[in-house]
Protein backbone atom coordinates (compact mmCIF):
# COMPACT_ATOMS: atom_id res chain seq x y z
CA MET A 1 -13.87 -5.39 -42.07
CA SER A 2 -11.22 -8.04 -41.95
CA HIS A 3 -12.61 -10.62 -44.29
CA VAL A 4 -9.50 -12.75 -43.91
CA ALA A 5 -9.77 -12.86 -40.12
CA LYS A 6 -13.45 -13.71 -40.28
CA SER A 7 -13.00 -16.46 -42.87
CA ASN A 8 -10.13 -17.97 -40.85
CA LEU A 9 -12.24 -17.96 -37.69
CA LEU A 10 -15.15 -19.59 -39.51
CA GLU A 11 -12.76 -22.23 -40.80
CA GLU A 12 -11.58 -22.95 -37.25
CA ILE A 13 -15.17 -23.35 -36.08
CA ILE A 14 -15.88 -25.71 -38.99
CA ILE A 15 -12.86 -27.81 -37.99
CA GLU A 16 -14.18 -28.00 -34.42
CA LEU A 17 -17.61 -29.04 -35.72
CA ARG A 18 -16.08 -31.75 -37.89
CA LYS A 19 -14.28 -33.09 -34.82
CA LYS A 20 -17.76 -33.54 -33.33
CA GLN A 21 -18.75 -35.51 -36.47
CA VAL A 22 -20.99 -32.71 -37.79
CA GLU A 23 -21.45 -32.95 -41.55
CA ILE A 24 -20.88 -29.56 -43.20
CA PRO A 25 -23.08 -29.09 -46.29
CA ALA A 26 -21.32 -28.56 -49.62
CA ASN A 27 -23.01 -25.19 -50.17
CA VAL A 28 -21.53 -23.85 -46.90
CA MET A 29 -18.04 -24.93 -47.94
CA THR A 30 -18.61 -23.50 -51.43
CA ASP A 31 -19.61 -20.15 -49.92
CA LEU A 32 -16.45 -20.09 -47.79
CA LYS A 33 -14.28 -20.94 -50.81
CA SER A 34 -16.05 -18.29 -52.90
CA ALA A 35 -15.48 -15.67 -50.22
CA ARG A 36 -11.78 -16.51 -50.07
CA THR A 37 -11.46 -16.38 -53.84
CA LEU A 38 -13.05 -12.94 -53.91
CA ILE A 39 -10.77 -11.81 -51.06
CA LYS A 40 -7.80 -12.71 -53.26
CA VAL A 41 -9.34 -10.84 -56.21
CA GLU A 42 -9.87 -7.83 -53.97
CA LYS A 43 -6.24 -7.90 -52.85
CA ALA A 44 -5.00 -8.19 -56.42
CA ASP A 45 -7.20 -5.38 -57.74
CA ALA A 46 -8.28 -2.73 -55.22
CA ARG A 47 -10.59 -1.20 -57.82
CA ALA A 48 -12.76 -4.32 -57.65
CA ARG A 49 -13.47 -3.71 -53.95
CA SER A 50 -16.83 -2.01 -54.52
CA GLN A 51 -18.02 -5.05 -56.46
CA THR A 52 -16.47 -7.81 -54.39
CA GLU A 53 -17.01 -6.56 -50.83
CA PRO A 54 -20.81 -7.02 -50.75
CA LYS A 55 -20.46 -10.50 -52.25
CA ILE A 56 -17.78 -11.48 -49.74
CA ASP A 57 -19.96 -10.18 -46.91
CA GLN A 58 -22.93 -12.20 -48.13
CA TYR A 59 -20.92 -15.42 -48.47
CA LEU A 60 -19.45 -15.01 -44.99
CA VAL A 61 -22.86 -14.21 -43.47
CA ASN A 62 -24.25 -17.42 -45.01
CA VAL A 63 -21.38 -19.49 -43.60
CA GLU A 64 -21.60 -17.80 -40.20
CA ALA A 65 -25.35 -18.39 -39.93
CA TYR A 66 -25.03 -22.12 -40.52
CA VAL A 67 -21.85 -22.63 -38.52
CA MET A 68 -23.04 -20.75 -35.45
CA ALA A 69 -26.43 -22.52 -35.48
CA GLU A 70 -24.62 -25.87 -35.48
CA ALA A 71 -22.08 -24.71 -32.90
CA ASP A 72 -24.94 -23.71 -30.61
CA LYS A 73 -26.17 -27.32 -30.73
CA GLN A 74 -22.75 -28.92 -30.19
CA PHE A 75 -20.80 -26.71 -27.78
CA PRO A 76 -21.35 -25.09 -24.39
CA PRO A 77 -22.83 -21.56 -24.44
CA GLU A 78 -19.54 -20.06 -23.17
CA LYS A 79 -17.61 -21.41 -26.17
CA VAL A 80 -20.27 -20.20 -28.62
CA GLU A 81 -20.24 -16.77 -26.96
CA GLN A 82 -16.45 -16.67 -27.31
CA TRP A 83 -16.72 -17.35 -31.03
CA LEU A 84 -19.47 -14.76 -31.47
CA THR A 85 -17.32 -12.15 -29.75
CA ALA A 86 -14.35 -13.06 -31.95
CA LEU A 87 -16.54 -12.83 -35.07
CA ASP A 88 -17.76 -9.41 -33.94
CA LEU A 89 -14.18 -8.24 -33.47
CA ALA A 90 -13.22 -9.58 -36.90
CA SER A 91 -16.12 -7.59 -38.38
CA CYS A 92 -15.24 -4.36 -36.59
CA ASP A 93 -13.84 -1.65 -38.88
CA SER A 94 -12.21 0.39 -36.12
CA CYS A 95 -10.95 -2.42 -33.89
CA VAL A 96 -7.24 -3.09 -33.66
CA THR A 97 -6.38 -6.69 -34.39
CA VAL A 98 -3.17 -8.67 -34.46
CA GLN A 99 -2.08 -9.51 -37.97
CA ASP A 100 -2.73 -13.10 -38.93
CA PRO A 101 0.57 -14.94 -39.32
CA LYS A 102 -0.84 -16.67 -42.37
CA GLU A 103 -0.97 -13.25 -43.97
CA GLU A 104 2.78 -12.70 -43.63
CA MET A 105 4.65 -12.77 -46.90
CA ARG A 106 5.96 -16.20 -47.69
CA MET A 107 8.44 -14.93 -50.21
CA ILE A 108 10.57 -11.79 -50.20
CA SER A 109 11.68 -10.36 -53.50
CA GLY A 110 15.43 -10.50 -53.95
CA VAL A 111 15.85 -13.53 -51.69
CA PRO A 112 16.64 -16.76 -53.58
CA ARG A 113 13.96 -19.41 -53.09
CA ASP A 114 16.39 -21.97 -51.72
CA GLN A 115 17.46 -19.68 -48.88
CA LYS A 116 15.86 -19.08 -45.50
CA TRP A 117 15.14 -15.57 -44.26
CA ILE A 118 14.04 -13.68 -41.19
CA ARG A 119 12.96 -10.13 -40.63
CA VAL A 120 14.63 -8.45 -37.66
CA GLU A 121 14.10 -5.19 -35.88
CA ALA A 122 16.57 -3.14 -33.85
CA ILE A 123 16.07 -2.95 -30.09
CA ASP A 124 17.85 -1.05 -27.33
CA GLY A 125 21.38 -2.41 -27.09
CA LEU A 126 21.21 -4.06 -30.52
CA PRO A 127 21.05 -1.44 -33.29
CA LEU A 128 20.65 -2.29 -36.98
CA GLU A 129 24.33 -1.62 -37.63
CA LYS A 130 25.30 -4.31 -35.11
CA LEU A 131 22.77 -6.73 -36.64
CA GLU A 132 24.18 -6.02 -40.10
CA GLN A 133 27.71 -6.67 -38.85
CA MET A 134 26.67 -9.96 -37.25
CA ALA A 135 24.88 -11.06 -40.42
CA THR A 136 27.90 -10.20 -42.58
CA GLU A 137 30.18 -12.16 -40.24
CA ALA A 138 27.85 -15.16 -40.59
CA ASN A 139 28.06 -14.90 -44.43
CA LEU A 140 24.40 -13.91 -44.70
CA GLY A 141 22.78 -11.54 -47.13
CA ILE A 142 21.09 -8.45 -45.74
CA ARG A 143 18.62 -5.87 -46.98
CA ARG A 144 17.13 -2.87 -45.20
CA GLU A 145 13.42 -2.39 -45.68
CA LYS A 146 11.59 0.92 -45.88
CA ASP A 147 10.05 0.40 -42.44
CA GLY A 148 13.51 0.25 -40.84
CA ARG A 149 13.64 -3.50 -40.38
CA LEU A 150 16.29 -5.77 -41.79
CA VAL A 151 15.86 -8.90 -43.90
CA VAL A 152 18.62 -11.40 -43.20
CA TYR A 153 18.87 -14.38 -45.54
CA GLY A 154 21.08 -17.30 -46.39
CA ALA A 155 21.61 -20.98 -45.65
CA ASP A 156 19.34 -22.47 -42.99
CA GLU A 157 22.16 -23.25 -40.55
CA ALA A 158 23.71 -19.81 -41.00
CA VAL A 159 20.39 -18.09 -40.22
CA LYS A 160 19.96 -20.27 -37.12
CA GLY A 161 23.51 -19.39 -36.04
CA PHE A 162 22.76 -15.70 -36.52
CA ILE A 163 19.69 -15.98 -34.31
CA LYS A 164 21.63 -17.80 -31.60
CA LYS A 165 24.39 -15.20 -31.72
CA ALA A 166 21.93 -12.30 -31.59
CA ILE A 167 20.10 -13.65 -28.56
CA LYS A 168 21.59 -14.99 -25.36
CA PRO A 169 20.07 -18.18 -23.88
CA ASN A 170 18.08 -16.11 -21.37
CA GLY A 171 16.37 -14.23 -24.20
CA GLN A 172 18.37 -11.02 -23.83
CA PRO A 173 20.26 -9.48 -26.75
CA THR A 174 24.01 -9.85 -26.86
CA ASP A 175 26.27 -6.92 -26.01
């Protein structure tokens, strides 16, 4: 189960409810915060999973029950059905989901904090060697990752210049 995806979706529904001036009880928000705290504990210590997973599930079920009951009162049935389907997908163990951008690493080890970075992948016509050469020419740092991608880092303007050089205005890679 993707607890992160489910908690993010519940948060989005809560935001929509608040826009409709629905007061969210403190215990619902506390349950959501508790679930997220336990998700972080679970990520930090995989051995704790057997203890934290049932608690996370219970917190999220509590939040979902309240939120969906309120959403049913405030929104058209089609919108509520959309959310229910999304919650089902987030709860599915075998479903393929797109990774949440919020889950991307915000910091890469070895990259100074004051520098910007991007992760790039080779495509037909633009191999990693060419990308490395372009990054070096732009005075950027580079590092190959185990998955075959390249981390390019440096000053903000230099990274932007690298991106512009790597991609033509029509979105096609340079030759």
